[in-house]
Amino acid sequence: MRARLVKIGNSRGLRLAKPLLEQVGLSDEVDIQAAPGVLTIRPVARPRAGWAEAAAAAPPQGLLDAPSATRFDDEEWHW
C-alpha cells in the first residue's frame, strides 16, 4: 500500500485507512520505532493486560498468614 505524507503545521503526517488500522489492531496510541529508512508502528503494549483473567484462573489459595489484629482494630474500630 502506498500513502502520501501530508503537511500538518511544521510536521508531516500519514493517513492510514480504517480497515488497515483494524486489520493490524492499532488504536489511538501507538509505539513508533525508527531505523535507517524504516519506521515501525506497533500497538502500545498494556503492562497489565491479561492480569484479571490470570488472577481469575488461578486457584484460590487464601491468605499467606492468618489475619492478626492491629492497633486500629483494637483501639479505633467499633462494631
PDB file of N, CA and C in Angstrom:
ATOM      1  N   MET A   1       0.846  -1.176   0.000  1.00  0.00           N
ATOM      2  CA  MET A   1       0.000   0.000   0.000  1.00  0.00           C
ATOM      3  C   MET A   1       0.891   1.238   0.000  1.00  0.00           C
ATOM      4  N   ARG A   2       0.559   2.172  -0.819  1.00  0.00           N
ATOM      5  CA  ARG A   2       1.282   3.444  -0.850  1.00  0.00           C
ATOM      6  C   ARG A   2       0.422   4.517  -0.215  1.00  0.00           C
ATOM      7  N   ALA A   3       1.096   5.453   0.426  1.00  0.00           N
ATOM      8  CA  ALA A   3       0.401   6.582   1.042  1.00  0.00           C
ATOM      9  C   ALA A   3       1.269   7.815   0.847  1.00  0.00           C
ATOM     10  N   ARG A   4       0.648   8.952   0.961  1.00  0.00           N
ATOM     11  CA  ARG A   4       1.357  10.212   0.785  1.00  0.00           C
ATOM     12  C   ARG A   4       1.460  10.923   2.137  1.00  0.00           C
ATOM     13  N   LEU A   5       2.639  11.474   2.422  1.00  0.00           N
ATOM     14  CA  LEU A   5       2.816  12.277   3.625  1.00  0.00           C
ATOM     15  C   LEU A   5       2.124  13.615   3.414  1.00  0.00           C
ATOM     16  N   VAL A   6       1.366  14.051   4.414  1.00  0.00           N
ATOM     17  CA  VAL A   6       0.639  15.318   4.321  1.00  0.00           C
ATOM     18  C   VAL A   6       1.221  16.298   5.328  1.00  0.00           C
ATOM     19  N   LYS A   7       1.165  17.571   4.986  1.00  0.00           N
ATOM     20  CA  LYS A   7       1.696  18.602   5.867  1.00  0.00           C
ATOM     21  C   LYS A   7       0.692  18.875   6.988  1.00  0.00           C
ATOM     22  N   ILE A   8       1.190  18.868   8.220  1.00  0.00           N
ATOM     23  CA  ILE A   8       0.399  19.196   9.399  1.00  0.00           C
ATOM     24  C   ILE A   8       1.224  20.200  10.196  1.00  0.00           C
ATOM     25  N   GLY A   9       0.944  21.481  10.019  1.00  0.00           N
ATOM     26  CA  GLY A   9       1.753  22.514  10.663  1.00  0.00           C
ATOM     27  C   GLY A   9       3.183  22.436  10.149  1.00  0.00           C
ATOM     28  N   ASN A  10       4.144  22.339  11.070  1.00  0.00           N
ATOM     29  CA  ASN A  10       5.546  22.202  10.686  1.00  0.00           C
ATOM     30  C   ASN A  10       5.962  20.741  10.540  1.00  0.00           C
ATOM     31  N   SER A  11       5.027  19.834  10.722  1.00  0.00           N
ATOM     32  CA  SER A  11       5.324  18.402  10.696  1.00  0.00           C
ATOM     33  C   SER A  11       4.718  17.758   9.462  1.00  0.00           C
ATOM     34  N   ARG A  12       4.870  16.462   9.361  1.00  0.00           N
ATOM     35  CA  ARG A  12       4.248  15.672   8.311  1.00  0.00           C
ATOM     36  C   ARG A  12       3.456  14.565   8.972  1.00  0.00           C
ATOM     37  N   GLY A  13       2.357  14.185   8.355  1.00  0.00           N
ATOM     38  CA  GLY A  13       1.527  13.122   8.879  1.00  0.00           C
ATOM     39  C   GLY A  13       1.262  12.075   7.820  1.00  0.00           C
ATOM     40  N   LEU A  14       0.767  10.949   8.248  1.00  0.00           N
ATOM     41  CA  LEU A  14       0.460   9.842   7.363  1.00  0.00           C
ATOM     42  C   LEU A  14      -0.966   9.408   7.640  1.00  0.00           C
ATOM     43  N   ARG A  15      -1.801   9.408   6.617  1.00  0.00           N
ATOM     44  CA  ARG A  15      -3.181   8.944   6.775  1.00  0.00           C
ATOM     45  C   ARG A  15      -3.224   7.456   6.507  1.00  0.00           C
ATOM     46  N   LEU A  16      -3.780   6.727   7.454  1.00  0.00           N
ATOM     47  CA  LEU A  16      -3.910   5.282   7.313  1.00  0.00           C
ATOM     48  C   LEU A  16      -5.388   4.929   7.245  1.00  0.00           C
ATOM     49  N   ALA A  17      -5.747   4.065   6.324  1.00  0.00           N
ATOM     50  CA  ALA A  17      -7.145   3.680   6.134  1.00  0.00           C
ATOM     51  C   ALA A  17      -7.655   2.903   7.346  1.00  0.00           C
ATOM     52  N   LYS A  18      -8.920   3.117   7.686  1.00  0.00           N
ATOM     53  CA  LYS A  18      -9.535   2.465   8.839  1.00  0.00           C
ATOM     54  C   LYS A  18      -9.443   0.941   8.749  1.00  0.00           C
ATOM     55  N   PRO A  19      -9.727   0.320   7.590  1.00  0.00           N
ATOM     56  CA  PRO A  19      -9.606  -1.147   7.523  1.00  0.00           C
ATOM     57  C   PRO A  19      -8.180  -1.635   7.805  1.00  0.00           C
ATOM     58  N   LEU A  20      -7.189  -0.883   7.377  1.00  0.00           N
ATOM     59  CA  LEU A  20      -5.799  -1.253   7.655  1.00  0.00           C
ATOM     60  C   LEU A  20      -5.504  -1.181   9.149  1.00  0.00           C
ATOM     61  N   LEU A  21      -5.967  -0.125   9.801  1.00  0.00           N
ATOM     62  CA  LEU A  21      -5.767   0.022  11.244  1.00  0.00           C
ATOM     63  C   LEU A  21      -6.452  -1.106  12.018  1.00  0.00           C
ATOM     64  N   GLU A  22      -7.671  -1.442  11.598  1.00  0.00           N
ATOM     65  CA  GLU A  22      -8.389  -2.532  12.263  1.00  0.00           C
ATOM     66  C   GLU A  22      -7.704  -3.869  12.040  1.00  0.00           C
ATOM     67  N   GLN A  23      -7.170  -4.075  10.840  1.00  0.00           N
ATOM     68  CA  GLN A  23      -6.508  -5.332  10.500  1.00  0.00           C
ATOM     69  C   GLN A  23      -5.292  -5.581  11.386  1.00  0.00           C
ATOM     70  N   VAL A  24      -4.532  -4.537  11.682  1.00  0.00           N
ATOM     71  CA  VAL A  24      -3.323  -4.702  12.489  1.00  0.00           C
ATOM     72  C   VAL A  24      -3.544  -4.408  13.968  1.00  0.00           C
ATOM     73  N   GLY A  25      -4.740  -3.957  14.351  1.00  0.00           N
ATOM     74  CA  GLY A  25      -5.062  -3.745  15.757  1.00  0.00           C
ATOM     75  C   GLY A  25      -4.513  -2.463  16.343  1.00  0.00           C
ATOM     76  N   LEU A  26      -4.372  -1.420  15.531  1.00  0.00           N
ATOM     77  CA  LEU A  26      -3.909  -0.134  16.043  1.00  0.00           C
ATOM     78  C   LEU A  26      -5.091   0.705  16.487  1.00  0.00           C
ATOM     79  N   SER A  27      -4.930   1.423  17.593  1.00  0.00           N
ATOM     80  CA  SER A  27      -5.990   2.307  18.079  1.00  0.00           C
ATOM     81  C   SER A  27      -5.442   3.721  18.177  1.00  0.00           C
ATOM     82  N   ASP A  28      -5.794   4.454  19.216  1.00  0.00           N
ATOM     83  CA  ASP A  28      -5.414   5.859  19.334  1.00  0.00           C
ATOM     84  C   ASP A  28      -3.949   6.073  19.692  1.00  0.00           C
ATOM     85  N   GLU A  29      -3.332   5.133  20.379  1.00  0.00           N
ATOM     86  CA  GLU A  29      -1.962   5.320  20.831  1.00  0.00           C
ATOM     87  C   GLU A  29      -1.091   4.208  20.248  1.00  0.00           C
ATOM     88  N   VAL A  30       0.045   4.587  19.679  1.00  0.00           N
ATOM     89  CA  VAL A  30       0.945   3.615  19.063  1.00  0.00           C
ATOM     90  C   VAL A  30       2.364   3.835  19.554  1.00  0.00           C
ATOM     91  N   ASP A  31       3.179   2.828  19.372  1.00  0.00           N
ATOM     92  CA  ASP A  31       4.599   2.891  19.681  1.00  0.00           C
ATOM     93  C   ASP A  31       5.332   2.929  18.343  1.00  0.00           C
ATOM     94  N   ILE A  32       6.185   3.944  18.124  1.00  0.00           N
ATOM     95  CA  ILE A  32       6.889   4.112  16.860  1.00  0.00           C
ATOM     96  C   ILE A  32       8.387   3.983  17.106  1.00  0.00           C
ATOM     97  N   GLN A  33       9.041   3.147  16.303  1.00  0.00           N
ATOM     98  CA  GLN A  33      10.485   2.997  16.376  1.00  0.00           C
ATOM     99  C   GLN A  33      11.064   3.342  15.013  1.00  0.00           C
ATOM    100  N   ALA A  34      12.213   3.999  15.007  1.00  0.00           N
ATOM    101  CA  ALA A  34      12.857   4.403  13.759  1.00  0.00           C
ATOM    102  C   ALA A  34      14.199   3.705  13.608  1.00  0.00           C
ATOM    103  N   ALA A  35      14.468   3.268  12.396  1.00  0.00           N
ATOM    104  CA  ALA A  35      15.759   2.726  11.992  1.00  0.00           C
ATOM    105  C   ALA A  35      16.065   3.355  10.638  1.00  0.00           C
ATOM    106  N   PRO A  36      17.281   3.313  10.169  1.00  0.00           N
ATOM    107  CA  PRO A  36      17.577   3.935   8.875  1.00  0.00           C
ATOM    108  C   PRO A  36      16.657   3.427   7.761  1.00  0.00           C
ATOM    109  N   GLY A  37      15.832   4.335   7.244  1.00  0.00           N
ATOM    110  CA  GLY A  37      14.925   4.004   6.147  1.00  0.00           C
ATOM    111  C   GLY A  37      13.680   3.238   6.533  1.00  0.00           C
ATOM    112  N   VAL A  38      13.447   3.025   7.842  1.00  0.00           N
ATOM    113  CA  VAL A  38      12.308   2.204   8.271  1.00  0.00           C
ATOM    114  C   VAL A  38      11.629   2.835   9.482  1.00  0.00           C
ATOM    115  N   LEU A  39      10.306   2.905   9.453  1.00  0.00           N
ATOM    116  CA  LEU A  39       9.507   3.249  10.633  1.00  0.00           C
ATOM    117  C   LEU A  39       8.678   2.019  10.977  1.00  0.00           C
ATOM    118  N   THR A  40       8.681   1.642  12.232  1.00  0.00           N
ATOM    119  CA  THR A  40       7.871   0.518  12.692  1.00  0.00           C
ATOM    120  C   THR A  40       6.814   1.069  13.638  1.00  0.00           C
ATOM    121  N   ILE A  41       5.564   0.768  13.348  1.00  0.00           N
ATOM    122  CA  ILE A  41       4.440   1.243  14.165  1.00  0.00           C
ATOM    123  C   ILE A  41       3.772   0.017  14.772  1.00  0.00           C
ATOM    124  N   ARG A  42       3.674  -0.003  16.108  1.00  0.00           N
ATOM    125  CA  ARG A  42       3.059  -1.133  16.823  1.00  0.00           C
ATOM    126  C   ARG A  42       2.028  -0.603  17.809  1.00  0.00           C
ATOM    127  N   PRO A  43       1.056  -1.444  18.156  1.00  0.00           N
ATOM    128  CA  PRO A  43       0.131  -1.041  19.218  1.00  0.00           C
ATOM    129  C   PRO A  43       0.898  -0.882  20.528  1.00  0.00           C
ATOM    130  N   VAL A  44       0.455   0.033  21.369  1.00  0.00           N
ATOM    131  CA  VAL A  44       1.084   0.222  22.674  1.00  0.00           C
ATOM    132  C   VAL A  44       0.770  -0.997  23.530  1.00  0.00           C
ATOM    133  N   ALA A  45       1.810  -1.573  24.104  1.00  0.00           N
ATOM    134  CA  ALA A  45       1.622  -2.720  24.982  1.00  0.00           C
ATOM    135  C   ALA A  45       1.039  -2.240  26.304  1.00  0.00           C
ATOM    136  N   ARG A  46       0.009  -2.876  26.747  1.00  0.00           N
ATOM    137  CA  ARG A  46      -0.597  -2.566  28.037  1.00  0.00           C
ATOM    138  C   ARG A  46       0.093  -3.417  29.097  1.00  0.00           C
ATOM    139  N   PRO A  47       0.793  -2.800  30.058  1.00  0.00           N
ATOM    140  CA  PRO A  47       1.588  -3.570  31.007  1.00  0.00           C
ATOM    141  C   PRO A  47       0.798  -4.567  31.829  1.00  0.00           C
ATOM    142  N   ARG A  48      -0.455  -4.302  32.086  1.00  0.00           N
ATOM    143  CA  ARG A  48      -1.244  -5.203  32.931  1.00  0.00           C
ATOM    144  C   ARG A  48      -2.302  -5.962  32.138  1.00  0.00           C
ATOM    145  N   ALA A  49      -2.142  -6.018  30.837  1.00  0.00           N
ATOM    146  CA  ALA A  49      -3.112  -6.737  30.008  1.00  0.00           C
ATOM    147  C   ALA A  49      -3.131  -8.206  30.407  1.00  0.00           C
ATOM    148  N   GLY A  50      -4.320  -8.725  30.651  1.00  0.00           N
ATOM    149  CA  GLY A  50      -4.484 -10.133  30.982  1.00  0.00           C
ATOM    150  C   GLY A  50      -4.359 -10.476  32.452  1.00  0.00           C
ATOM    151  N   TRP A  51      -4.017  -9.492  33.295  1.00  0.00           N
ATOM    152  CA  TRP A  51      -3.863  -9.791  34.719  1.00  0.00           C
ATOM    153  C   TRP A  51      -5.171 -10.262  35.351  1.00  0.00           C
ATOM    154  N   ALA A  52      -6.270  -9.628  35.040  1.00  0.00           N
ATOM    155  CA  ALA A  52      -7.553 -10.003  35.653  1.00  0.00           C
ATOM    156  C   ALA A  52      -7.918 -11.431  35.278  1.00  0.00           C
ATOM    157  N   GLU A  53      -7.711 -11.793  34.022  1.00  0.00           N
ATOM    158  CA  GLU A  53      -8.027 -13.149  33.579  1.00  0.00           C
ATOM    159  C   GLU A  53      -7.121 -14.175  34.260  1.00  0.00           C
ATOM    160  N   ALA A  54      -5.828 -13.836  34.386  1.00  0.00           N
ATOM    161  CA  ALA A  54      -4.888 -14.748  35.043  1.00  0.00           C
ATOM    162  C   ALA A  54      -5.240 -14.920  36.512  1.00  0.00           C
ATOM    163  N   ALA A  55      -5.625 -13.844  37.178  1.00  0.00           N
ATOM    164  CA  ALA A  55      -5.995 -13.930  38.591  1.00  0.00           C
ATOM    165  C   ALA A  55      -7.263 -14.751  38.767  1.00  0.00           C
ATOM    166  N   ALA A  56      -8.208 -14.589  37.849  1.00  0.00           N
ATOM    167  CA  ALA A  56      -9.448 -15.355  37.935  1.00  0.00           C
ATOM    168  C   ALA A  56      -9.200 -16.842  37.694  1.00  0.00           C
ATOM    169  N   ALA A  57      -8.218 -17.172  36.865  1.00  0.00           N
ATOM    170  CA  ALA A  57      -7.927 -18.564  36.546  1.00  0.00           C
ATOM    171  C   ALA A  57      -7.076 -19.244  37.613  1.00  0.00           C
ATOM    172  N   ALA A  58      -6.392 -18.473  38.454  1.00  0.00           N
ATOM    173  CA  ALA A  58      -5.525 -19.039  39.486  1.00  0.00           C
ATOM    174  C   ALA A  58      -6.378 -19.685  40.577  1.00  0.00           C
ATOM    175  N   PRO A  59      -5.931 -20.818  41.086  1.00  0.00           N
ATOM    176  CA  PRO A  59      -6.698 -21.452  42.164  1.00  0.00           C
ATOM    177  C   PRO A  59      -6.668 -20.602  43.424  1.00  0.00           C
ATOM    178  N   PRO A  60      -7.774 -20.535  44.155  1.00  0.00           N
ATOM    179  CA  PRO A  60      -7.777 -19.733  45.390  1.00  0.00           C
ATOM    180  C   PRO A  60      -6.856 -20.369  46.426  1.00  0.00           C
ATOM    181  N   GLN A  61      -5.948 -19.587  46.951  1.00  0.00           N
ATOM    182  CA  GLN A  61      -5.003 -20.103  47.933  1.00  0.00           C
ATOM    183  C   GLN A  61      -5.191 -19.459  49.297  1.00  0.00           C
ATOM    184  N   GLY A  62      -6.028 -18.459  49.368  1.00  0.00           N
ATOM    185  CA  GLY A  62      -6.239 -17.796  50.644  1.00  0.00           C
ATOM    186  C   GLY A  62      -5.089 -16.875  50.995  1.00  0.00           C
ATOM    187  N   LEU A  63      -5.087 -16.420  52.236  1.00  0.00           N
ATOM    188  CA  LEU A  63      -4.046 -15.516  52.713  1.00  0.00           C
ATOM    189  C   LEU A  63      -2.768 -16.288  53.022  1.00  0.00           C
ATOM    190  N   LEU A  64      -1.629 -15.619  52.926  1.00  0.00           N
ATOM    191  CA  LEU A  64      -0.361 -16.262  53.263  1.00  0.00           C
ATOM    192  C   LEU A  64      -0.248 -16.521  54.756  1.00  0.00           C
ATOM    193  N   ASP A  65      -0.715 -15.566  55.555  1.00  0.00           N
ATOM    194  CA  ASP A  65      -0.671 -15.693  57.009  1.00  0.00           C
ATOM    195  C   ASP A  65      -2.088 -15.555  57.552  1.00  0.00           C
ATOM    196  N   ALA A  66      -2.271 -16.069  58.761  1.00  0.00           N
ATOM    197  CA  ALA A  66      -3.569 -15.893  59.420  1.00  0.00           C
ATOM    198  C   ALA A  66      -3.759 -14.412  59.735  1.00  0.00           C
ATOM    199  N   PRO A  67      -4.980 -13.892  59.619  1.00  0.00           N
ATOM    200  CA  PRO A  67      -5.193 -12.479  59.932  1.00  0.00           C
ATOM    201  C   PRO A  67      -4.876 -12.195  61.404  1.00  0.00           C
ATOM    202  N   SER A  68      -4.303 -11.043  61.651  1.00  0.00           N
ATOM    203  CA  SER A  68      -3.997 -10.641  63.017  1.00  0.00           C
ATOM    204  C   SER A  68      -4.533  -9.233  63.250  1.00  0.00           C
ATOM    205  N   ALA A  69      -4.939  -8.980  64.467  1.00  0.00           N
ATOM    206  CA  ALA A  69      -5.488  -7.675  64.812  1.00  0.00           C
ATOM    207  C   ALA A  69      -4.386  -6.629  64.851  1.00  0.00           C
ATOM    208  N   THR A  70      -4.736  -5.433  64.466  1.00  0.00           N
ATOM    209  CA  THR A  70      -3.794  -4.314  64.506  1.00  0.00           C
ATOM    210  C   THR A  70      -4.231  -3.341  65.600  1.00  0.00           C
ATOM    211  N   ARG A  71      -3.428  -2.320  65.837  1.00  0.00           N
ATOM    212  CA  ARG A  71      -3.778  -1.292  66.813  1.00  0.00           C
ATOM    213  C   ARG A  71      -5.086  -0.627  66.420  1.00  0.00           C
ATOM    214  N   PHE A  72      -5.276  -0.393  65.140  1.00  0.00           N
ATOM    215  CA  PHE A  72      -6.524   0.202  64.656  1.00  0.00           C
ATOM    216  C   PHE A  72      -7.707  -0.674  65.048  1.00  0.00           C
ATOM    217  N   ASP A  73      -7.566  -1.992  64.849  1.00  0.00           N
ATOM    218  CA  ASP A  73      -8.656  -2.908  65.207  1.00  0.00           C
ATOM    219  C   ASP A  73      -8.958  -2.859  66.706  1.00  0.00           C
ATOM    220  N   ASP A  74      -7.913  -2.794  67.505  1.00  0.00           N
ATOM    221  CA  ASP A  74      -8.093  -2.841  68.956  1.00  0.00           C
ATOM    222  C   ASP A  74      -8.585  -1.521  69.544  1.00  0.00           C
ATOM    223  N   GLU A  75      -8.109  -0.369  69.010  1.00  0.00           N
ATOM    224  CA  GLU A  75      -8.368   0.911  69.652  1.00  0.00           C
ATOM    225  C   GLU A  75      -9.392   1.785  68.936  1.00  0.00           C
ATOM    226  N   GLU A  76      -9.485   1.712  67.649  1.00  0.00           N
ATOM    227  CA  GLU A  76     -10.282   2.687  66.922  1.00  0.00           C
ATOM    228  C   GLU A  76     -11.532   2.105  66.261  1.00  0.00           C
ATOM    229  N   TRP A  77     -11.513   0.873  65.894  1.00  0.00           N
ATOM    230  CA  TRP A  77     -12.646   0.307  65.171  1.00  0.00           C
ATOM    231  C   TRP A  77     -13.722  -0.140  66.154  1.00  0.00           C
ATOM    232  N   HIS A  78     -14.954   0.248  65.883  1.00  0.00           N
ATOM    233  CA  HIS A  78     -16.068  -0.136  66.733  1.00  0.00           C
ATOM    234  C   HIS A  78     -17.105  -0.834  65.885  1.00  0.00           C
ATOM    235  N   TRP A  79     -17.545  -1.988  66.338  1.00  0.00           N
ATOM    236  CA  TRP A  79     -18.583  -2.735  65.615  1.00  0.00           C
ATOM    237  C   TRP A  79     -19.927  -2.269  66.061  1.00  0.00           C
TER     238      TRP A  79
END
